[in-house]
Amino acid sequence: MKAVRVLIRVFLYGIFVFCLLTYTFMQGSEYDWMGPDYVIEDNSNDRGPIRFLAVAIALFTQFLIYVSCSRKEAAMTVVLLAVVVGVYW
């Protein structure tokens, strides 16, 4: 029984970290590496929905962490999500 709780915890934290990394990697424009001289205006903006989906999944996973883990761990995930969204908004 304890092994199952540990596996669930690892799985939830894995999903949460993956969503945060996806959110941070999808920040900015895909043409940022070209430099400021060649700014290409891309109207499709495929990164916006992906970033929104990553935050939505992170919030849902955060709720599951709140339900299945300790309150201290849940509070840490709230702070981590707030920092990441605040820095990369």
N, C-alpha and C. Protein backbone atom coordinates (compact mmCIF):
# COMPACT_ATOMS: atom_id res chain seq x y z
N MET A 1 0.82 -1.19 0.00
CA MET A 1 0.00 0.00 0.00
C MET A 1 0.87 1.26 0.00
N LYS A 2 1.94 1.24 0.78
CA LYS A 2 2.83 2.41 0.83
C LYS A 2 3.53 2.61 -0.51
N ALA A 3 3.87 1.52 -1.18
CA ALA A 3 4.53 1.64 -2.48
C ALA A 3 3.61 2.28 -3.51
N VAL A 4 2.34 1.98 -3.44
CA VAL A 4 1.37 2.56 -4.37
C VAL A 4 1.26 4.07 -4.14
N ARG A 5 1.25 4.50 -2.87
CA ARG A 5 1.18 5.94 -2.57
C ARG A 5 2.42 6.66 -3.07
N VAL A 6 3.57 6.02 -2.93
CA VAL A 6 4.82 6.62 -3.41
C VAL A 6 4.79 6.72 -4.94
N LEU A 7 4.33 5.69 -5.61
CA LEU A 7 4.24 5.72 -7.07
C LEU A 7 3.26 6.80 -7.55
N ILE A 8 2.14 6.93 -6.87
CA ILE A 8 1.18 7.97 -7.23
C ILE A 8 1.79 9.35 -7.04
N ARG A 9 2.50 9.53 -5.93
CA ARG A 9 3.15 10.81 -5.65
C ARG A 9 4.19 11.14 -6.72
N VAL A 10 5.02 10.16 -7.07
CA VAL A 10 6.05 10.38 -8.10
C VAL A 10 5.40 10.69 -9.44
N PHE A 11 4.34 9.98 -9.78
CA PHE A 11 3.63 10.21 -11.03
C PHE A 11 3.04 11.62 -11.08
N LEU A 12 2.39 12.04 -10.01
CA LEU A 12 1.79 13.37 -9.98
C LEU A 12 2.84 14.47 -10.06
N TYR A 13 3.94 14.30 -9.32
CA TYR A 13 5.00 15.31 -9.39
C TYR A 13 5.67 15.31 -10.76
N GLY A 14 5.77 14.16 -11.39
CA GLY A 14 6.33 14.11 -12.74
C GLY A 14 5.48 14.88 -13.74
N ILE A 15 4.18 14.69 -13.66
CA ILE A 15 3.27 15.43 -14.54
C ILE A 15 3.36 16.93 -14.25
N PHE A 16 3.39 17.29 -12.98
CA PHE A 16 3.43 18.70 -12.59
C PHE A 16 4.70 19.37 -13.11
N VAL A 17 5.84 18.73 -12.93
CA VAL A 17 7.11 19.30 -13.39
C VAL A 17 7.15 19.36 -14.91
N PHE A 18 6.63 18.34 -15.59
CA PHE A 18 6.58 18.36 -17.05
C PHE A 18 5.75 19.53 -17.55
N CYS A 19 4.62 19.80 -16.92
CA CYS A 19 3.78 20.94 -17.33
C CYS A 19 4.48 22.27 -17.10
N LEU A 20 5.18 22.39 -15.97
CA LEU A 20 5.91 23.63 -15.71
C LEU A 20 7.04 23.83 -16.72
N LEU A 21 7.74 22.76 -17.05
CA LEU A 21 8.81 22.87 -18.05
C LEU A 21 8.24 23.20 -19.43
N THR A 22 7.12 22.60 -19.78
CA THR A 22 6.48 22.92 -21.05
C THR A 22 6.09 24.39 -21.10
N TYR A 23 5.56 24.88 -20.00
CA TYR A 23 5.17 26.30 -19.94
C TYR A 23 6.38 27.20 -20.11
N THR A 24 7.49 26.87 -19.48
CA THR A 24 8.67 27.72 -19.57
C THR A 24 9.33 27.63 -20.94
N PHE A 25 9.35 26.45 -21.55
CA PHE A 25 10.00 26.30 -22.85
C PHE A 25 9.18 26.92 -23.98
N MET A 26 7.88 27.06 -23.80
CA MET A 26 7.03 27.64 -24.83
C MET A 26 6.91 29.15 -24.69
N GLN A 27 7.75 29.75 -23.87
CA GLN A 27 7.71 31.20 -23.65
C GLN A 27 8.41 31.90 -24.79
N GLY A 28 7.89 33.04 -25.19
CA GLY A 28 8.53 33.83 -26.24
C GLY A 28 8.15 33.36 -27.63
N SER A 29 8.93 33.82 -28.59
CA SER A 29 8.70 33.48 -29.98
C SER A 29 9.68 32.41 -30.41
N GLU A 30 9.29 31.62 -31.37
CA GLU A 30 10.19 30.58 -31.87
C GLU A 30 11.34 31.17 -32.68
N TYR A 31 11.25 32.46 -33.00
CA TYR A 31 12.29 33.12 -33.77
C TYR A 31 13.19 34.00 -32.90
N ASP A 32 13.13 33.86 -31.59
CA ASP A 32 13.95 34.66 -30.70
C ASP A 32 15.44 34.42 -30.91
N TRP A 33 15.81 33.25 -31.34
CA TRP A 33 17.23 32.93 -31.51
C TRP A 33 17.86 33.72 -32.66
N MET A 34 17.04 34.29 -33.55
CA MET A 34 17.58 35.03 -34.69
C MET A 34 18.13 36.39 -34.29
N GLY A 35 17.72 36.91 -33.17
CA GLY A 35 18.20 38.21 -32.74
C GLY A 35 17.17 39.30 -32.99
N PRO A 36 17.44 40.50 -32.51
CA PRO A 36 16.45 41.57 -32.61
C PRO A 36 16.32 42.18 -34.01
N ASP A 37 17.25 41.90 -34.93
CA ASP A 37 17.19 42.51 -36.25
C ASP A 37 16.11 41.91 -37.13
N TYR A 38 15.84 40.63 -36.96
CA TYR A 38 14.91 39.93 -37.84
C TYR A 38 13.72 39.43 -37.03
N VAL A 39 12.84 40.30 -36.70
CA VAL A 39 11.65 39.92 -35.96
C VAL A 39 10.59 39.51 -36.97
N ILE A 40 10.21 38.26 -36.92
CA ILE A 40 9.20 37.73 -37.82
C ILE A 40 7.89 37.66 -37.05
N GLU A 41 6.88 38.29 -37.58
CA GLU A 41 5.58 38.30 -36.93
C GLU A 41 4.82 37.05 -37.35
N ASP A 42 4.60 36.17 -36.39
CA ASP A 42 3.90 34.92 -36.67
C ASP A 42 2.48 35.05 -36.11
N ASN A 43 1.50 35.08 -36.99
CA ASN A 43 0.12 35.27 -36.55
C ASN A 43 -0.55 34.00 -36.07
N SER A 44 0.05 32.84 -36.34
CA SER A 44 -0.60 31.61 -35.92
C SER A 44 -0.52 31.43 -34.41
N ASN A 45 0.60 31.79 -33.78
CA ASN A 45 0.78 31.75 -32.32
C ASN A 45 0.30 30.44 -31.73
N ASP A 46 0.93 29.35 -32.14
CA ASP A 46 0.57 28.03 -31.63
C ASP A 46 1.00 27.81 -30.19
N ARG A 47 1.85 28.66 -29.68
CA ARG A 47 2.36 28.47 -28.33
C ARG A 47 1.35 28.87 -27.26
N GLY A 48 0.48 29.79 -27.55
CA GLY A 48 -0.50 30.25 -26.56
C GLY A 48 -1.41 29.14 -26.05
N PRO A 49 -2.07 28.40 -26.94
CA PRO A 49 -2.92 27.31 -26.46
C PRO A 49 -2.15 26.21 -25.74
N ILE A 50 -0.93 25.95 -26.18
CA ILE A 50 -0.12 24.91 -25.52
C ILE A 50 0.24 25.36 -24.11
N ARG A 51 0.60 26.63 -23.96
CA ARG A 51 0.92 27.15 -22.62
C ARG A 51 -0.32 27.13 -21.73
N PHE A 52 -1.47 27.49 -22.27
CA PHE A 52 -2.70 27.45 -21.49
C PHE A 52 -3.03 26.03 -21.06
N LEU A 53 -2.88 25.08 -21.97
CA LEU A 53 -3.14 23.68 -21.64
C LEU A 53 -2.18 23.18 -20.58
N ALA A 54 -0.91 23.58 -20.67
CA ALA A 54 0.07 23.17 -19.66
C ALA A 54 -0.30 23.70 -18.28
N VAL A 55 -0.75 24.95 -18.21
CA VAL A 55 -1.15 25.51 -16.92
C VAL A 55 -2.42 24.84 -16.41
N ALA A 56 -3.36 24.55 -17.30
CA ALA A 56 -4.59 23.87 -16.88
C ALA A 56 -4.30 22.48 -16.33
N ILE A 57 -3.44 21.74 -17.01
CA ILE A 57 -3.07 20.40 -16.52
C ILE A 57 -2.30 20.52 -15.21
N ALA A 58 -1.43 21.53 -15.09
CA ALA A 58 -0.68 21.73 -13.84
C ALA A 58 -1.63 22.05 -12.69
N LEU A 59 -2.65 22.86 -12.95
CA LEU A 59 -3.62 23.17 -11.89
C LEU A 59 -4.42 21.94 -11.48
N PHE A 60 -4.81 21.13 -12.45
CA PHE A 60 -5.54 19.90 -12.12
C PHE A 60 -4.64 18.94 -11.34
N THR A 61 -3.39 18.81 -11.76
CA THR A 61 -2.45 17.96 -11.05
C THR A 61 -2.19 18.51 -9.65
N GLN A 62 -2.15 19.82 -9.54
CA GLN A 62 -1.96 20.43 -8.23
C GLN A 62 -3.14 20.11 -7.31
N PHE A 63 -4.34 20.09 -7.83
CA PHE A 63 -5.50 19.68 -7.04
C PHE A 63 -5.36 18.23 -6.59
N LEU A 64 -4.91 17.36 -7.49
CA LEU A 64 -4.72 15.96 -7.12
C LEU A 64 -3.63 15.81 -6.06
N ILE A 65 -2.57 16.62 -6.15
CA ILE A 65 -1.53 16.61 -5.12
C ILE A 65 -2.11 17.08 -3.80
N TYR A 66 -2.97 18.08 -3.83
CA TYR A 66 -3.61 18.58 -2.61
C TYR A 66 -4.45 17.49 -1.96
N VAL A 67 -5.13 16.70 -2.76
CA VAL A 67 -6.00 15.65 -2.23
C VAL A 67 -5.19 14.47 -1.71
N SER A 68 -4.13 14.08 -2.42
CA SER A 68 -3.44 12.84 -2.08
C SER A 68 -2.17 13.01 -1.26
N CYS A 69 -1.60 14.20 -1.20
CA CYS A 69 -0.34 14.40 -0.49
C CYS A 69 -0.57 15.31 0.72
N SER A 70 0.51 15.60 1.41
CA SER A 70 0.40 16.45 2.60
C SER A 70 0.13 17.90 2.21
N ARG A 71 -0.35 18.66 3.15
CA ARG A 71 -0.67 20.06 2.89
C ARG A 71 0.59 20.88 2.64
N LYS A 72 1.69 20.49 3.27
CA LYS A 72 2.95 21.20 3.05
C LYS A 72 3.40 21.04 1.60
N GLU A 73 3.30 19.83 1.06
CA GLU A 73 3.66 19.59 -0.34
C GLU A 73 2.72 20.34 -1.27
N ALA A 74 1.45 20.38 -0.94
CA ALA A 74 0.49 21.11 -1.77
C ALA A 74 0.80 22.60 -1.77
N ALA A 75 1.17 23.14 -0.62
CA ALA A 75 1.52 24.56 -0.55
C ALA A 75 2.78 24.85 -1.35
N MET A 76 3.73 23.93 -1.33
CA MET A 76 4.96 24.12 -2.11
C MET A 76 4.66 24.15 -3.60
N THR A 77 3.74 23.31 -4.06
CA THR A 77 3.40 23.32 -5.49
C THR A 77 2.68 24.60 -5.88
N VAL A 78 1.87 25.16 -4.97
CA VAL A 78 1.21 26.43 -5.25
C VAL A 78 2.24 27.53 -5.42
N VAL A 79 3.22 27.57 -4.52
CA VAL A 79 4.27 28.59 -4.60
C VAL A 79 5.09 28.41 -5.87
N LEU A 80 5.45 27.17 -6.20
CA LEU A 80 6.24 26.90 -7.40
C LEU A 80 5.50 27.32 -8.66
N LEU A 81 4.22 26.99 -8.75
CA LEU A 81 3.43 27.39 -9.92
C LEU A 81 3.31 28.91 -10.01
N ALA A 82 3.11 29.56 -8.87
CA ALA A 82 3.00 31.02 -8.87
C ALA A 82 4.30 31.68 -9.31
N VAL A 83 5.42 31.14 -8.87
CA VAL A 83 6.72 31.71 -9.27
C VAL A 83 6.95 31.53 -10.76
N VAL A 84 6.69 30.34 -11.28
CA VAL A 84 6.92 30.07 -12.70
C VAL A 84 6.01 30.93 -13.57
N VAL A 85 4.74 31.00 -13.23
CA VAL A 85 3.82 31.81 -14.02
C VAL A 85 4.16 33.29 -13.89
N GLY A 86 4.55 33.72 -12.69
CA GLY A 86 4.92 35.12 -12.50
C GLY A 86 6.16 35.52 -13.27
N VAL A 87 7.14 34.65 -13.35
CA VAL A 87 8.38 34.96 -14.05
C VAL A 87 8.18 34.93 -15.56
N TYR A 88 7.44 33.97 -16.06
CA TYR A 88 7.32 33.78 -17.51
C TYR A 88 6.03 34.32 -18.09
N TRP A 89 5.27 35.14 -17.39
CA TRP A 89 4.00 35.66 -17.90
C TRP A 89 4.24 36.56 -19.01
